[in-house]
Protein backbone atom coordinates (compact mmCIF):
# COMPACT_ATOMS: atom_id res chain seq x y z
CA MET A 1 -122.88 -9.97 -19.81
CA SER A 2 -122.92 -6.83 -17.70
CA PHE A 3 -125.82 -5.33 -15.80
CA ILE A 4 -126.65 -2.97 -12.95
CA ILE A 5 -128.70 -3.27 -9.79
CA CYS A 6 -129.60 -0.34 -7.56
CA ALA A 7 -129.78 -0.84 -3.81
CA TYR A 8 -131.29 1.68 -1.44
CA LYS A 9 -131.46 1.89 2.34
CA ASN A 10 -133.72 4.24 4.25
CA LYS A 11 -133.35 5.80 7.69
CA GLN A 12 -135.10 2.82 9.29
CA ASP A 13 -132.55 0.47 7.62
CA VAL A 14 -135.15 -1.06 5.29
CA MET A 15 -133.29 -2.11 2.15
CA ALA A 16 -134.73 -2.15 -1.38
CA ILE A 17 -132.88 -3.95 -4.17
CA ASN A 18 -134.03 -3.00 -7.67
CA PRO A 19 -132.71 -4.73 -10.80
CA THR A 20 -132.52 -2.53 -13.88
CA ALA A 21 -133.06 -3.26 -17.56
CA LYS A 22 -131.68 -1.47 -20.60
CA ASP A 23 -134.03 1.05 -22.16
CA SER A 24 -134.19 1.98 -25.86
CA ILE A 25 -130.96 4.02 -25.66
CA GLY A 26 -129.09 1.40 -23.62
CA ALA A 27 -129.29 3.12 -20.24
CA GLY A 28 -130.25 1.18 -17.11
CA SER A 29 -133.84 1.86 -16.09
CA SER A 30 -135.75 0.91 -12.99
CA THR A 31 -137.99 -2.14 -13.18
CA ASN A 32 -141.08 -3.09 -11.20
CA GLN A 33 -139.09 -5.81 -9.43
CA ILE A 34 -138.23 -4.88 -5.85
CA PHE A 35 -136.61 -7.10 -3.26
CA LEU A 36 -137.31 -5.62 0.19
CA LEU A 37 -135.34 -6.55 3.30
CA GLU A 38 -136.46 -5.54 6.78
CA PRO A 39 -133.87 -4.82 9.52
CA GLU A 40 -132.15 -7.62 11.29
CA TYR A 41 -131.34 -9.05 7.88
CA GLN A 42 -128.20 -11.15 7.68
CA ASN A 43 -125.44 -11.06 5.06
CA GLU A 44 -126.58 -14.43 3.70
CA GLU A 45 -130.12 -13.13 3.11
CA ILE A 46 -128.86 -9.94 1.43
CA GLY A 47 -126.57 -11.98 -0.83
CA GLN A 48 -129.43 -14.31 -1.77
CA LYS A 49 -131.63 -11.34 -2.76
CA LEU A 50 -128.76 -9.88 -4.79
CA LYS A 51 -128.40 -13.19 -6.65
CA GLU A 52 -132.15 -13.21 -7.33
CA ALA A 53 -131.78 -9.70 -8.76
CA PHE A 54 -128.80 -10.86 -10.86
CA GLU A 55 -130.96 -13.69 -12.22
CA PHE A 56 -133.75 -11.26 -13.08
CA CYS A 57 -131.30 -9.04 -15.00
CA THR A 58 -130.05 -12.04 -16.95
CA LYS A 59 -133.58 -13.15 -17.89
CA GLU A 60 -134.94 -9.63 -18.57
CA PRO A 61 -132.08 -7.54 -19.98
CA PHE A 62 -134.31 -5.13 -21.92
CA LEU A 63 -137.01 -2.85 -20.58
CA ASN A 64 -140.57 -3.46 -21.73
CA GLU A 65 -144.04 -2.45 -20.54
CA ARG A 66 -144.41 -5.61 -18.45
CA ILE A 67 -141.37 -4.88 -16.25
CA ALA A 68 -141.08 -1.06 -16.40
CA GLY A 69 -141.44 0.67 -13.07
CA ASN A 70 -140.75 3.87 -11.20
CA LEU A 71 -139.17 2.84 -7.90
CA PRO A 72 -140.17 5.87 -5.79
CA GLU A 73 -143.78 5.49 -6.93
CA LEU A 74 -143.74 1.74 -6.36
CA LEU A 75 -142.57 2.37 -2.79
CA GLY A 76 -145.30 4.96 -2.19
CA TYR A 77 -143.38 8.24 -2.56
CA SER A 78 -145.16 11.18 -4.20
CA SER A 79 -141.93 12.59 -5.61
CA ARG A 80 -138.39 11.50 -6.41
CA SER A 81 -136.97 14.26 -4.18
CA LYS A 82 -138.79 12.85 -1.13
CA PHE A 83 -137.45 9.39 -1.95
CA VAL A 84 -133.88 10.69 -2.34
CA LYS A 85 -134.06 12.53 1.02
CA GLU A 86 -135.01 9.26 2.74
CA HIS A 87 -132.60 6.84 1.03
CA VAL A 88 -128.91 6.29 0.39
CA GLN A 89 -127.94 4.42 -2.77
CA VAL A 90 -125.35 1.89 -3.88
CA ILE A 91 -124.96 0.88 -7.51
CA ILE A 92 -124.01 -2.77 -8.00
CA SER A 93 -122.40 -3.50 -11.36
CA VAL A 94 -121.96 -7.09 -12.42
CA ARG A 95 -119.16 -7.27 -14.98
CA SER A 96 -118.71 -10.75 -16.41
CA ASP A 97 -115.89 -9.45 -18.66
CA LEU A 98 -113.92 -8.59 -15.50
CA GLU A 99 -115.40 -11.44 -13.46
CA LYS A 100 -116.24 -8.84 -10.79
CA VAL A 101 -119.12 -7.41 -8.83
CA LEU A 102 -118.53 -3.72 -8.13
CA PHE A 103 -120.31 -1.83 -5.35
CA THR A 104 -120.28 1.95 -5.87
CA PRO A 105 -121.70 4.13 -3.08
CA MET A 106 -123.49 7.20 -4.36
CA LYS A 107 -123.98 10.56 -2.67
CA ARG A 108 -127.09 12.70 -2.67
CA GLU A 109 -126.92 15.58 -5.11
CA GLY A 110 -130.01 17.75 -5.49
CA ASN A 111 -132.94 15.50 -6.36
CA GLY A 112 -130.73 12.57 -7.33
CA TYR A 113 -127.48 10.75 -6.74
CA MET A 114 -123.93 11.19 -8.03
CA ASN A 115 -120.96 8.87 -7.97
CA ASN A 116 -118.96 9.59 -4.82
CA GLY A 117 -115.67 9.43 -6.68
CA SER A 118 -113.43 6.42 -6.92
CA THR A 119 -114.62 4.49 -3.86
CA LYS A 120 -115.66 1.00 -4.86
CA ILE A 121 -115.79 -2.40 -3.29
CA GLU A 122 -114.85 -5.21 -5.65
CA LEU A 123 -115.71 -8.86 -5.23
CA ALA A 124 -115.19 -11.86 -7.48
CA ILE A 125 -118.24 -12.81 -9.53
CA THR A 126 -118.09 -16.14 -7.67
CA ALA A 127 -118.49 -14.48 -4.25
CA THR A 128 -120.69 -16.25 -1.72
CA ASN A 129 -124.00 -14.86 -0.49
CA GLU A 130 -122.26 -13.98 2.78
CA GLN A 131 -119.55 -12.01 0.93
CA LEU A 132 -122.06 -10.24 -1.33
CA GLY A 133 -124.20 -9.22 1.64
CA GLN A 134 -121.19 -7.92 3.55
CA GLY A 135 -119.96 -6.06 0.45
CA LEU A 136 -123.27 -4.24 0.10
CA LEU A 137 -123.41 -3.32 3.79
CA ASP A 138 -119.80 -2.09 3.65
CA ALA A 139 -120.67 0.06 0.61
CA PHE A 140 -123.65 1.58 2.43
CA ASN A 141 -121.34 2.44 5.33
CA LEU A 142 -119.00 4.36 3.02
């Protein structure tokens, strides 16, 4: 099984972790599940929230009306462009076929995000909460 989670961090270092689900064409779409972390979070706590998001993706792989959500709206933003101006993004891909968790930092591009190139952090799918949390923070720092 493979799935994607989007993580965002704003200028106040508040982190939002948003599991995605596959829509009707197989693309990852935002869900109404948001795991928020306030500053002074620790790697262990971040890793635990990531694992909760992984579990959600496993249980809810396909988008439906019950779990569909627009993340900027759910967080109180009137437009996607305002949300993008306030947040950096990391895509977390869980690839069971490779037994890896891949962290891909994104860069702002217009009113959205683009892959920053080839920069990725790779961890084993068996990584500890501490390692997952540190991996995500390292990706945000890239």
